[in-house]
Amino acid sequence: MIHSDVTLREFLPQDAEAVRAIIREAWHYNDLCGAKAAEKLSNVFLNSCLTNQTYTQVAVKGGVPAGIIMVKDRRNHSPSLRYRLAQIRSILSLYLSREGRAVSKIFQGVNDVDRQLLNACRTDYQGELSFFAVSAEARGTGIGKLLFQSAQNYMQSRGIETFYLFTDTSCNYGFYEHAGLHRRCEMGKQFQIKGETAEMTFFLYDNLP
């Protein structure tokens, strides 16, 4: 059920703090590292996503961002200098601490897995759903479906017929199956997190039959 006070609009700079909080909760950053490193890591993630998009929509509920989605038209993508510089600054800030450097290795590993999945699919996708997250409080309210539909509308308007996304077992990947997408490739990987071994499975979903 969508509440009457939910509106969709483009991402604005003042949304950054709330979106970073959504990122930290959705991807359990506070379980990976201390609060300062988690904040810096969420800033790297957000700025990296902003460099990798041609479309953004934020779901605002009661004046507060409750979810966000980004899409990349891979045929017509040119990252803005402003977002690229913000990404570089955030990465440098993360690398200033030993903990930041250590946790960044986990995400370098995730990026490597994503590249391998995309290469394994051998498909020249036109679009990518590059970022999608909803706050814990807003899950189950229909906000995720509203955002996902807005992304599909955008891709349809741009003539994007094929698209993909990355997700993993730490996320609600069943959402994409209910939305009619197909799990095209998957890969397992182990990580060392705070001295313990964690195993995750990573997926690439797409809209191909």
N, C-alpha and C. Protein backbone atom coordinates (compact mmCIF):
# COMPACT_ATOMS: atom_id res chain seq x y z
N MET A 1 0.85 -1.20 0.00
CA MET A 1 0.00 0.00 0.00
C MET A 1 0.88 1.25 0.00
N ILE A 2 0.64 2.16 -0.93
CA ILE A 2 1.40 3.40 -1.00
C ILE A 2 0.68 4.47 -0.20
N HIS A 3 1.40 5.08 0.72
CA HIS A 3 0.83 6.16 1.52
C HIS A 3 0.70 7.43 0.68
N SER A 4 -0.26 8.24 1.04
CA SER A 4 -0.54 9.44 0.25
C SER A 4 0.58 10.47 0.33
N ASP A 5 1.46 10.36 1.34
CA ASP A 5 2.52 11.35 1.49
C ASP A 5 3.83 10.91 0.84
N VAL A 6 3.78 9.90 -0.03
CA VAL A 6 4.98 9.45 -0.75
C VAL A 6 5.03 10.14 -2.11
N THR A 7 6.16 10.78 -2.40
CA THR A 7 6.37 11.40 -3.70
C THR A 7 7.71 10.92 -4.26
N LEU A 8 7.83 10.93 -5.57
CA LEU A 8 9.07 10.58 -6.24
C LEU A 8 9.66 11.82 -6.89
N ARG A 9 10.96 11.95 -6.78
CA ARG A 9 11.68 13.06 -7.43
C ARG A 9 13.13 12.65 -7.63
N GLU A 10 13.87 13.48 -8.36
CA GLU A 10 15.28 13.22 -8.58
C GLU A 10 16.09 13.36 -7.28
N PHE A 11 17.23 12.70 -7.24
CA PHE A 11 18.14 12.82 -6.09
C PHE A 11 18.64 14.25 -5.99
N LEU A 12 18.64 14.78 -4.75
CA LEU A 12 19.16 16.11 -4.47
C LEU A 12 20.29 16.00 -3.44
N PRO A 13 21.23 16.95 -3.44
CA PRO A 13 22.35 16.88 -2.49
C PRO A 13 21.91 16.73 -1.04
N GLN A 14 20.79 17.33 -0.68
CA GLN A 14 20.33 17.24 0.71
C GLN A 14 19.81 15.85 1.09
N ASP A 15 19.68 14.97 0.10
CA ASP A 15 19.25 13.59 0.37
C ASP A 15 20.41 12.70 0.83
N ALA A 16 21.64 13.18 0.67
CA ALA A 16 22.81 12.31 0.83
C ALA A 16 22.87 11.66 2.21
N GLU A 17 22.65 12.42 3.26
CA GLU A 17 22.78 11.85 4.62
C GLU A 17 21.78 10.72 4.84
N ALA A 18 20.52 10.94 4.46
CA ALA A 18 19.50 9.91 4.65
C ALA A 18 19.78 8.69 3.77
N VAL A 19 20.25 8.92 2.56
CA VAL A 19 20.54 7.79 1.66
C VAL A 19 21.73 6.99 2.17
N ARG A 20 22.74 7.68 2.71
CA ARG A 20 23.87 6.95 3.29
C ARG A 20 23.42 6.07 4.45
N ALA A 21 22.47 6.56 5.24
CA ALA A 21 21.94 5.75 6.35
C ALA A 21 21.21 4.51 5.82
N ILE A 22 20.47 4.67 4.73
CA ILE A 22 19.79 3.53 4.10
C ILE A 22 20.82 2.52 3.62
N ILE A 23 21.90 3.00 3.01
CA ILE A 23 22.96 2.12 2.52
C ILE A 23 23.59 1.34 3.67
N ARG A 24 23.92 2.03 4.75
CA ARG A 24 24.58 1.36 5.89
C ARG A 24 23.69 0.27 6.47
N GLU A 25 22.39 0.54 6.54
CA GLU A 25 21.48 -0.46 7.10
C GLU A 25 21.25 -1.61 6.13
N ALA A 26 21.03 -1.28 4.86
CA ALA A 26 20.69 -2.31 3.87
C ALA A 26 21.83 -3.29 3.65
N TRP A 27 23.06 -2.79 3.65
CA TRP A 27 24.22 -3.65 3.39
C TRP A 27 25.03 -3.96 4.65
N HIS A 28 24.46 -3.66 5.81
CA HIS A 28 25.04 -4.08 7.10
C HIS A 28 26.47 -3.57 7.28
N TYR A 29 26.73 -2.35 6.90
CA TYR A 29 28.09 -1.82 7.01
C TYR A 29 28.58 -1.77 8.46
N ASN A 30 27.68 -1.49 9.39
CA ASN A 30 28.09 -1.40 10.79
C ASN A 30 28.52 -2.75 11.36
N ASP A 31 28.15 -3.84 10.66
CA ASP A 31 28.62 -5.16 11.07
C ASP A 31 30.01 -5.45 10.51
N LEU A 32 30.41 -4.70 9.49
CA LEU A 32 31.70 -4.93 8.84
C LEU A 32 32.83 -4.15 9.49
N CYS A 33 32.49 -2.98 10.05
CA CYS A 33 33.54 -2.09 10.54
C CYS A 33 32.95 -1.10 11.55
N GLY A 34 33.80 -0.25 12.08
CA GLY A 34 33.36 0.76 13.02
C GLY A 34 32.52 1.84 12.37
N ALA A 35 31.92 2.69 13.22
CA ALA A 35 30.96 3.68 12.72
C ALA A 35 31.59 4.66 11.74
N LYS A 36 32.81 5.13 12.02
CA LYS A 36 33.44 6.10 11.13
C LYS A 36 33.74 5.50 9.76
N ALA A 37 34.30 4.28 9.78
CA ALA A 37 34.60 3.62 8.51
C ALA A 37 33.32 3.30 7.74
N ALA A 38 32.25 2.92 8.46
CA ALA A 38 30.97 2.61 7.81
C ALA A 38 30.40 3.85 7.14
N GLU A 39 30.54 5.00 7.80
CA GLU A 39 30.05 6.25 7.21
C GLU A 39 30.83 6.58 5.94
N LYS A 40 32.15 6.44 6.00
CA LYS A 40 32.98 6.72 4.83
C LYS A 40 32.70 5.73 3.70
N LEU A 41 32.48 4.47 4.07
CA LEU A 41 32.19 3.45 3.07
C LEU A 41 30.87 3.73 2.37
N SER A 42 29.87 4.15 3.13
CA SER A 42 28.57 4.47 2.52
C SER A 42 28.69 5.67 1.61
N ASN A 43 29.60 6.59 1.93
CA ASN A 43 29.80 7.76 1.07
C ASN A 43 30.47 7.35 -0.24
N VAL A 44 31.43 6.42 -0.17
CA VAL A 44 32.04 5.89 -1.38
C VAL A 44 31.00 5.22 -2.26
N PHE A 45 30.16 4.39 -1.62
CA PHE A 45 29.14 3.66 -2.38
C PHE A 45 28.19 4.63 -3.08
N LEU A 46 27.70 5.63 -2.34
CA LEU A 46 26.75 6.58 -2.93
C LEU A 46 27.39 7.35 -4.08
N ASN A 47 28.59 7.86 -3.87
CA ASN A 47 29.23 8.64 -4.92
C ASN A 47 29.57 7.78 -6.14
N SER A 48 29.91 6.52 -5.91
CA SER A 48 30.18 5.61 -7.02
C SER A 48 28.90 5.36 -7.82
N CYS A 49 27.78 5.20 -7.11
CA CYS A 49 26.50 5.01 -7.81
C CYS A 49 26.11 6.25 -8.61
N LEU A 50 26.37 7.43 -8.05
CA LEU A 50 26.01 8.67 -8.74
C LEU A 50 26.83 8.85 -10.02
N THR A 51 28.04 8.32 -10.06
CA THR A 51 28.83 8.38 -11.29
C THR A 51 28.35 7.36 -12.31
N ASN A 52 27.55 6.39 -11.85
CA ASN A 52 27.17 5.25 -12.70
C ASN A 52 25.68 5.26 -13.00
N GLN A 53 25.12 6.43 -13.31
CA GLN A 53 23.68 6.51 -13.55
C GLN A 53 23.36 7.57 -14.57
N THR A 54 22.20 7.40 -15.18
CA THR A 54 21.62 8.44 -16.05
C THR A 54 20.23 8.83 -15.56
N TYR A 55 19.77 8.18 -14.49
CA TYR A 55 18.42 8.42 -13.98
C TYR A 55 18.41 8.12 -12.48
N THR A 56 17.86 9.03 -11.71
CA THR A 56 17.69 8.81 -10.27
C THR A 56 16.27 9.17 -9.86
N GLN A 57 15.75 8.42 -8.89
CA GLN A 57 14.48 8.76 -8.26
C GLN A 57 14.57 8.41 -6.78
N VAL A 58 14.15 9.36 -5.98
CA VAL A 58 14.09 9.18 -4.53
C VAL A 58 12.64 9.17 -4.11
N ALA A 59 12.26 8.19 -3.30
CA ALA A 59 10.92 8.16 -2.71
C ALA A 59 10.97 8.92 -1.39
N VAL A 60 10.20 9.98 -1.31
CA VAL A 60 10.19 10.82 -0.11
C VAL A 60 8.88 10.59 0.62
N LYS A 61 8.99 10.19 1.89
CA LYS A 61 7.81 9.93 2.72
C LYS A 61 7.89 10.79 3.97
N GLY A 62 6.89 11.62 4.14
CA GLY A 62 6.91 12.51 5.30
C GLY A 62 8.08 13.45 5.30
N GLY A 63 8.53 13.82 4.10
CA GLY A 63 9.64 14.76 3.97
C GLY A 63 11.01 14.14 4.08
N VAL A 64 11.09 12.81 4.26
CA VAL A 64 12.37 12.12 4.46
C VAL A 64 12.55 11.06 3.38
N PRO A 65 13.73 10.96 2.75
CA PRO A 65 13.97 9.90 1.77
C PRO A 65 13.79 8.52 2.40
N ALA A 66 12.94 7.70 1.76
CA ALA A 66 12.66 6.36 2.26
C ALA A 66 13.15 5.28 1.31
N GLY A 67 13.60 5.67 0.13
CA GLY A 67 14.11 4.71 -0.85
C GLY A 67 14.68 5.45 -2.04
N ILE A 68 15.49 4.72 -2.81
CA ILE A 68 16.14 5.35 -3.96
C ILE A 68 16.40 4.29 -5.02
N ILE A 69 16.36 4.71 -6.27
CA ILE A 69 16.69 3.82 -7.38
C ILE A 69 17.46 4.62 -8.42
N MET A 70 18.41 3.95 -9.07
CA MET A 70 19.19 4.56 -10.13
C MET A 70 19.29 3.59 -11.30
N VAL A 71 19.28 4.15 -12.50
CA VAL A 71 19.40 3.37 -13.72
C VAL A 71 20.50 3.99 -14.58
N LYS A 72 21.21 3.14 -15.29
CA LYS A 72 22.24 3.61 -16.22
C LYS A 72 21.87 3.18 -17.63
N ASP A 73 21.72 4.15 -18.52
CA ASP A 73 21.59 3.88 -19.95
C ASP A 73 23.02 3.69 -20.45
N ARG A 74 23.42 2.45 -20.66
CA ARG A 74 24.81 2.15 -20.99
C ARG A 74 25.20 2.68 -22.36
N ARG A 75 24.23 3.01 -23.18
CA ARG A 75 24.52 3.52 -24.52
C ARG A 75 24.81 5.01 -24.50
N ASN A 76 24.36 5.69 -23.46
CA ASN A 76 24.47 7.16 -23.40
C ASN A 76 24.86 7.60 -22.01
N HIS A 77 25.98 7.09 -21.52
CA HIS A 77 26.41 7.42 -20.17
C HIS A 77 27.73 8.17 -20.20
N SER A 78 27.72 9.34 -19.58
CA SER A 78 28.93 10.13 -19.44
C SER A 78 28.92 10.74 -18.04
N PRO A 79 29.68 10.16 -17.09
CA PRO A 79 29.61 10.64 -15.71
C PRO A 79 30.04 12.10 -15.58
N SER A 80 29.32 12.84 -14.75
CA SER A 80 29.64 14.25 -14.57
C SER A 80 30.94 14.39 -13.79
N LEU A 81 31.67 15.45 -14.08
CA LEU A 81 32.93 15.71 -13.38
C LEU A 81 32.68 15.90 -11.89
N ARG A 82 31.57 16.52 -11.54
CA ARG A 82 31.26 16.77 -10.13
C ARG A 82 31.14 15.46 -9.36
N TYR A 83 30.41 14.50 -9.90
CA TYR A 83 30.25 13.23 -9.22
C TYR A 83 31.56 12.43 -9.22
N ARG A 84 32.33 12.52 -10.30
CA ARG A 84 33.59 11.80 -10.36
C ARG A 84 34.57 12.32 -9.31
N LEU A 85 34.64 13.63 -9.16
CA LEU A 85 35.53 14.21 -8.15
C LEU A 85 35.08 13.84 -6.74
N ALA A 86 33.76 13.83 -6.51
CA ALA A 86 33.24 13.44 -5.20
C ALA A 86 33.58 11.98 -4.90
N GLN A 87 33.51 11.14 -5.93
CA GLN A 87 33.86 9.74 -5.75
C GLN A 87 35.33 9.59 -5.37
N ILE A 88 36.20 10.30 -6.06
CA ILE A 88 37.64 10.22 -5.78
C ILE A 88 37.93 10.71 -4.37
N ARG A 89 37.32 11.82 -3.97
CA ARG A 89 37.55 12.35 -2.62
C ARG A 89 37.09 11.37 -1.55
N SER A 90 35.95 10.74 -1.77
CA SER A 90 35.43 9.81 -0.77
C SER A 90 36.30 8.57 -0.66
N ILE A 91 36.84 8.10 -1.79
CA ILE A 91 37.73 6.95 -1.76
C ILE A 91 39.02 7.28 -1.02
N LEU A 92 39.59 8.45 -1.28
CA LEU A 92 40.80 8.87 -0.58
C LEU A 92 40.56 8.99 0.91
N SER A 93 39.41 9.51 1.30
CA SER A 93 39.08 9.64 2.72
C SER A 93 38.99 8.27 3.39
N LEU A 94 38.40 7.30 2.70
CA LEU A 94 38.30 5.94 3.24
C LEU A 94 39.68 5.32 3.43
N TYR A 95 40.58 5.57 2.49
CA TYR A 95 41.91 4.96 2.52
C TYR A 95 42.83 5.58 3.56
N LEU A 96 42.42 6.66 4.20
CA LEU A 96 43.27 7.29 5.20
C LEU A 96 43.41 6.45 6.46
N SER A 97 42.47 5.55 6.71
CA SER A 97 42.54 4.73 7.91
C SER A 97 42.84 3.28 7.56
N ARG A 98 43.51 2.58 8.49
CA ARG A 98 43.82 1.17 8.27
C ARG A 98 42.54 0.36 8.12
N GLU A 99 41.53 0.66 8.95
CA GLU A 99 40.27 -0.06 8.87
C GLU A 99 39.58 0.19 7.54
N GLY A 100 39.64 1.42 7.07
CA GLY A 100 39.04 1.75 5.79
C GLY A 100 39.71 0.99 4.65
N ARG A 101 41.02 0.91 4.70
CA ARG A 101 41.74 0.16 3.65
C ARG A 101 41.39 -1.32 3.70
N ALA A 102 41.24 -1.85 4.91
CA ALA A 102 40.93 -3.28 5.05
C ALA A 102 39.54 -3.59 4.52
N VAL A 103 38.54 -2.77 4.89
CA VAL A 103 37.18 -3.07 4.46
C VAL A 103 37.00 -2.81 2.97
N SER A 104 37.81 -1.91 2.42
CA SER A 104 37.70 -1.64 0.99
C SER A 104 38.08 -2.86 0.16
N LYS A 105 38.94 -3.74 0.72
CA LYS A 105 39.33 -4.95 0.00
C LYS A 105 38.14 -5.87 -0.22
N ILE A 106 37.20 -5.87 0.75
CA ILE A 106 35.99 -6.69 0.58
C ILE A 106 35.22 -6.23 -0.64
N PHE A 107 35.09 -4.92 -0.79
CA PHE A 107 34.28 -4.40 -1.88
C PHE A 107 35.02 -4.44 -3.21
N GLN A 108 36.32 -4.45 -3.16
CA GLN A 108 37.07 -4.71 -4.39
C GLN A 108 36.80 -6.13 -4.86
N GLY A 109 36.69 -7.05 -3.89
CA GLY A 109 36.35 -8.43 -4.23
C GLY A 109 34.97 -8.55 -4.81
N VAL A 110 34.01 -7.80 -4.26
CA VAL A 110 32.64 -7.80 -4.79
C VAL A 110 32.63 -7.27 -6.22
N ASN A 111 33.36 -6.19 -6.46
CA ASN A 111 33.42 -5.64 -7.81
C ASN A 111 34.02 -6.64 -8.80
N ASP A 112 35.02 -7.39 -8.34
CA ASP A 112 35.61 -8.42 -9.20
C ASP A 112 34.59 -9.49 -9.56
N VAL A 113 33.78 -9.91 -8.56
CA VAL A 113 32.74 -10.90 -8.81
C VAL A 113 31.72 -10.36 -9.81
N ASP A 114 31.32 -9.11 -9.63
CA ASP A 114 30.34 -8.51 -10.55
C ASP A 114 30.86 -8.51 -11.98
N ARG A 115 32.14 -8.17 -12.14
CA ARG A 115 32.71 -8.17 -13.50
C ARG A 115 32.71 -9.57 -14.09
N GLN A 116 33.04 -10.57 -13.26
CA GLN A 116 33.04 -11.95 -13.76
C GLN A 116 31.64 -12.40 -14.15
N LEU A 117 30.63 -12.02 -13.35
CA LEU A 117 29.26 -12.39 -13.68
C LEU A 117 28.83 -11.77 -15.00
N LEU A 118 29.14 -10.50 -15.17
CA LEU A 118 28.74 -9.81 -16.40
C LEU A 118 29.45 -10.42 -17.61
N ASN A 119 30.71 -10.73 -17.46
CA ASN A 119 31.44 -11.36 -18.56
C ASN A 119 30.89 -12.74 -18.89
N ALA A 120 30.48 -13.47 -17.85
CA ALA A 120 29.96 -14.83 -18.06
C ALA A 120 28.65 -14.82 -18.83
N CYS A 121 27.87 -13.74 -18.68
CA CYS A 121 26.56 -13.67 -19.35
C CYS A 121 26.70 -13.41 -20.85
N ARG A 122 27.80 -12.78 -21.26
CA ARG A 122 28.08 -12.55 -22.67
C ARG A 122 26.89 -11.89 -23.39
N THR A 123 26.33 -10.89 -22.77
CA THR A 123 25.19 -10.17 -23.34
C THR A 123 25.50 -8.68 -23.33
N ASP A 124 25.23 -8.03 -24.43
CA ASP A 124 25.45 -6.59 -24.53
C ASP A 124 24.19 -5.86 -24.06
N TYR A 125 24.03 -5.78 -22.74
CA TYR A 125 22.84 -5.15 -22.18
C TYR A 125 22.83 -3.66 -22.49
N GLN A 126 21.64 -3.13 -22.70
CA GLN A 126 21.51 -1.71 -22.97
C GLN A 126 21.43 -0.88 -21.69
N GLY A 127 20.93 -1.48 -20.62
CA GLY A 127 20.76 -0.74 -19.38
C GLY A 127 21.18 -1.53 -18.16
N GLU A 128 21.38 -0.82 -17.08
CA GLU A 128 21.71 -1.43 -15.79
C GLU A 128 20.89 -0.75 -14.69
N LEU A 129 20.25 -1.56 -13.86
CA LEU A 129 19.66 -1.03 -12.64
C LEU A 129 20.80 -0.98 -11.63
N SER A 130 21.39 0.19 -11.47
CA SER A 130 22.69 0.31 -10.81
C SER A 130 22.61 0.51 -9.30
N PHE A 131 21.45 0.89 -8.77
CA PHE A 131 21.31 1.10 -7.33
C PHE A 131 19.83 1.08 -6.98
N PHE A 132 19.50 0.30 -5.94
CA PHE A 132 18.10 0.20 -5.51
C PHE A 132 18.09 -0.18 -4.04
N ALA A 133 17.55 0.67 -3.20
CA ALA A 133 17.48 0.38 -1.77
C ALA A 133 16.30 1.11 -1.15
N VAL A 134 15.70 0.47 -0.16
CA VAL A 134 14.56 1.04 0.58
C VAL A 134 14.88 0.94 2.07
N SER A 135 14.52 1.95 2.82
CA SER A 135 14.79 1.94 4.26
C SER A 135 14.02 0.82 4.94
N ALA A 136 14.53 0.36 6.07
CA ALA A 136 13.89 -0.74 6.80
C ALA A 136 12.45 -0.40 7.15
N GLU A 137 12.20 0.85 7.52
CA GLU A 137 10.86 1.26 7.94
C GLU A 137 9.87 1.26 6.79
N ALA A 138 10.37 1.43 5.56
CA ALA A 138 9.48 1.56 4.41
C ALA A 138 9.26 0.25 3.67
N ARG A 139 9.96 -0.80 4.05
CA ARG A 139 9.80 -2.07 3.34
C ARG A 139 8.42 -2.66 3.61
N GLY A 140 7.83 -3.22 2.58
CA GLY A 140 6.51 -3.80 2.72
C GLY A 140 5.38 -2.81 2.53
N THR A 141 5.71 -1.56 2.22
CA THR A 141 4.68 -0.53 2.04
C THR A 141 4.35 -0.28 0.57
N GLY A 142 5.10 -0.90 -0.33
CA GLY A 142 4.89 -0.68 -1.75
C GLY A 142 5.81 0.35 -2.35
N ILE A 143 6.68 0.95 -1.53
CA ILE A 143 7.59 1.97 -2.04
C ILE A 143 8.59 1.34 -3.01
N GLY A 144 9.07 0.14 -2.69
CA GLY A 144 10.00 -0.52 -3.59
C GLY A 144 9.38 -0.76 -4.96
N LYS A 145 8.14 -1.22 -4.99
CA LYS A 145 7.46 -1.46 -6.26
C LYS A 145 7.27 -0.16 -7.03
N LEU A 146 6.97 0.91 -6.31
CA LEU A 146 6.78 2.21 -6.96
C LEU A 146 8.08 2.68 -7.61
N LEU A 147 9.20 2.54 -6.91
CA LEU A 147 10.48 2.93 -7.45
C LEU A 147 10.86 2.05 -8.65
N PHE A 148 10.65 0.75 -8.50
CA PHE A 148 11.01 -0.17 -9.59
C PHE A 148 10.19 0.13 -10.84
N GLN A 149 8.92 0.45 -10.66
CA GLN A 149 8.08 0.80 -11.82
C GLN A 149 8.57 2.08 -12.47
N SER A 150 9.03 3.04 -11.66
CA SER A 150 9.55 4.29 -12.24
C SER A 150 10.79 4.01 -13.08
N ALA A 151 11.63 3.07 -12.62
CA ALA A 151 12.82 2.71 -13.38
C ALA A 151 12.44 2.04 -14.70
N GLN A 152 11.45 1.16 -14.64
CA GLN A 152 10.99 0.50 -15.86
C GLN A 152 10.39 1.50 -16.85
N ASN A 153 9.65 2.47 -16.32
CA ASN A 153 9.07 3.50 -17.19
C ASN A 153 10.18 4.30 -17.88
N TYR A 154 11.22 4.63 -17.11
CA TYR A 154 12.34 5.37 -17.69
C TYR A 154 12.99 4.57 -18.81
N MET A 155 13.26 3.30 -18.55
CA MET A 155 13.93 2.48 -19.56
C MET A 155 13.06 2.33 -20.81
N GLN A 156 11.77 2.19 -20.60
CA GLN A 156 10.87 2.09 -21.75
C GLN A 156 10.90 3.39 -22.56
N SER A 157 10.93 4.52 -21.87
CA SER A 157 10.94 5.81 -22.56
C SER A 157 12.23 6.03 -23.34
N ARG A 158 13.32 5.40 -22.90
CA ARG A 158 14.60 5.54 -23.56
C ARG A 158 14.88 4.41 -24.56
N GLY A 159 13.94 3.51 -24.71
CA GLY A 159 14.13 2.41 -25.64
C GLY A 159 15.13 1.38 -25.15
N ILE A 160 15.28 1.27 -23.84
CA ILE A 160 16.18 0.27 -23.26
C ILE A 160 15.41 -1.04 -23.14
N GLU A 161 15.73 -1.98 -24.00
CA GLU A 161 14.98 -3.23 -24.06
C GLU A 161 15.59 -4.32 -23.19
N THR A 162 16.89 -4.25 -22.92
CA THR A 162 17.55 -5.28 -22.09
C THR A 162 18.30 -4.60 -20.96
N PHE A 163 18.13 -5.10 -19.76
CA PHE A 163 18.87 -4.54 -18.63
C PHE A 163 19.19 -5.64 -17.62
N TYR A 164 20.13 -5.35 -16.74
CA TYR A 164 20.55 -6.30 -15.72
C TYR A 164 20.78 -5.57 -14.40
N LEU A 165 20.98 -6.35 -13.36
CA LEU A 165 21.33 -5.80 -12.06
C LEU A 165 22.13 -6.85 -11.30
N PHE A 166 22.91 -6.39 -10.34
CA PHE A 166 23.64 -7.26 -9.43
C PHE A 166 22.95 -7.28 -8.07
N THR A 167 22.90 -8.44 -7.45
CA THR A 167 22.40 -8.55 -6.08
C THR A 167 23.08 -9.75 -5.43
N ASP A 168 22.75 -10.02 -4.18
CA ASP A 168 23.41 -11.13 -3.48
C ASP A 168 22.53 -11.60 -2.34
N THR A 169 23.02 -12.61 -1.61
CA THR A 169 22.22 -13.25 -0.58
C THR A 169 22.03 -12.38 0.66
N SER A 170 22.68 -11.23 0.73
CA SER A 170 22.44 -10.31 1.85
C SER A 170 21.24 -9.42 1.57
N CYS A 171 20.69 -9.50 0.35
CA CYS A 171 19.58 -8.63 -0.07
C CYS A 171 18.31 -9.45 -0.30
N ASN A 172 17.20 -8.75 -0.47
CA ASN A 172 15.92 -9.39 -0.78
C ASN A 172 15.85 -9.65 -2.29
N TYR A 173 16.67 -10.61 -2.76
CA TYR A 173 16.74 -10.85 -4.20
C TYR A 173 15.47 -11.49 -4.74
N GLY A 174 14.64 -12.07 -3.85
CA GLY A 174 13.37 -12.62 -4.30
C GLY A 174 12.45 -11.58 -4.90
N PHE A 175 12.66 -10.31 -4.53
CA PHE A 175 11.86 -9.21 -5.09
C PHE A 175 11.94 -9.22 -6.61
N TYR A 176 13.14 -9.47 -7.13
CA TYR A 176 13.35 -9.40 -8.58
C TYR A 176 12.67 -10.57 -9.29
N GLU A 177 12.63 -11.72 -8.63
CA GLU A 177 11.94 -12.86 -9.23
C GLU A 177 10.43 -12.60 -9.27
N HIS A 178 9.91 -12.01 -8.21
CA HIS A 178 8.49 -11.65 -8.20
C HIS A 178 8.18 -10.58 -9.24
N ALA A 179 9.19 -9.77 -9.57
CA ALA A 179 9.00 -8.72 -10.58
C ALA A 179 9.16 -9.25 -12.00
N GLY A 180 9.44 -10.55 -12.14
CA GLY A 180 9.52 -11.16 -13.46
C GLY A 180 10.91 -11.22 -14.06
N LEU A 181 11.94 -10.86 -13.29
CA LEU A 181 13.30 -10.96 -13.80
C LEU A 181 13.83 -12.39 -13.63
N HIS A 182 14.93 -12.68 -14.31
CA HIS A 182 15.48 -14.03 -14.29
C HIS A 182 16.92 -14.02 -13.78
N ARG A 183 17.22 -15.02 -12.95
CA ARG A 183 18.58 -15.17 -12.46
C ARG A 183 19.42 -15.78 -13.57
N ARG A 184 20.34 -14.98 -14.13
CA ARG A 184 21.09 -15.41 -15.30
C ARG A 184 22.40 -16.09 -14.91
N CYS A 185 23.10 -15.56 -13.91
CA CYS A 185 24.39 -16.10 -13.49
C CYS A 185 24.51 -15.97 -11.98
N GLU A 186 25.30 -16.83 -11.37
CA GLU A 186 25.57 -16.71 -9.93
C GLU A 186 26.97 -17.21 -9.63
N MET A 187 27.49 -16.73 -8.50
CA MET A 187 28.85 -17.10 -8.11
C MET A 187 28.98 -16.95 -6.59
N GLY A 188 29.60 -17.93 -5.95
CA GLY A 188 29.86 -17.87 -4.53
C GLY A 188 31.25 -17.33 -4.25
N LYS A 189 31.41 -16.69 -3.10
CA LYS A 189 32.72 -16.17 -2.71
C LYS A 189 32.80 -16.07 -1.19
N GLN A 190 33.98 -16.36 -0.65
CA GLN A 190 34.22 -16.24 0.77
C GLN A 190 34.99 -14.96 1.08
N PHE A 191 34.65 -14.36 2.23
CA PHE A 191 35.33 -13.15 2.68
C PHE A 191 35.76 -13.33 4.13
N GLN A 192 36.82 -12.65 4.50
CA GLN A 192 37.24 -12.59 5.89
C GLN A 192 36.73 -11.28 6.48
N ILE A 193 35.79 -11.39 7.42
CA ILE A 193 35.18 -10.21 8.04
C ILE A 193 35.39 -10.29 9.54
N LYS A 194 36.19 -9.35 10.07
CA LYS A 194 36.51 -9.31 11.50
C LYS A 194 37.02 -10.66 12.00
N GLY A 195 37.90 -11.27 11.21
CA GLY A 195 38.53 -12.51 11.60
C GLY A 195 37.71 -13.75 11.38
N GLU A 196 36.52 -13.62 10.84
CA GLU A 196 35.66 -14.77 10.58
C GLU A 196 35.39 -14.91 9.08
N THR A 197 35.16 -16.14 8.67
CA THR A 197 34.89 -16.40 7.26
C THR A 197 33.39 -16.30 6.99
N ALA A 198 33.04 -15.50 6.03
CA ALA A 198 31.64 -15.35 5.61
C ALA A 198 31.53 -15.74 4.14
N GLU A 199 30.50 -16.52 3.83
CA GLU A 199 30.30 -16.95 2.46
C GLU A 199 29.02 -16.33 1.92
N MET A 200 29.11 -15.78 0.73
CA MET A 200 27.97 -15.15 0.08
C MET A 200 27.84 -15.66 -1.34
N THR A 201 26.63 -15.56 -1.87
CA THR A 201 26.39 -15.89 -3.27
C THR A 201 25.92 -14.62 -3.97
N PHE A 202 26.50 -14.35 -5.12
CA PHE A 202 26.20 -13.15 -5.89
C PHE A 202 25.45 -13.55 -7.16
N PHE A 203 24.51 -12.70 -7.55
CA PHE A 203 23.65 -12.99 -8.69
C PHE A 203 23.65 -11.86 -9.70
N LEU A 204 23.44 -12.22 -10.94
CA LEU A 204 23.09 -11.25 -11.97
C LEU A 204 21.69 -11.62 -12.47
N TYR A 205 20.77 -10.67 -12.34
CA TYR A 205 19.40 -10.85 -12.85
C TYR A 205 19.24 -9.97 -14.09
N ASP A 206 18.40 -10.44 -15.03
CA ASP A 206 18.09 -9.62 -16.19
C ASP A 206 16.64 -9.83 -16.61
N ASN A 207 16.22 -9.09 -17.63
CA ASN A 207 14.84 -9.16 -18.09
C ASN A 207 14.70 -9.97 -19.38
N LEU A 208 15.75 -10.73 -19.72
CA LEU A 208 15.66 -11.59 -20.90
C LEU A 208 14.79 -12.80 -20.62
N PRO A 209 14.18 -13.38 -21.65
CA PRO A 209 13.33 -14.55 -21.43
C PRO A 209 14.14 -15.78 -21.00
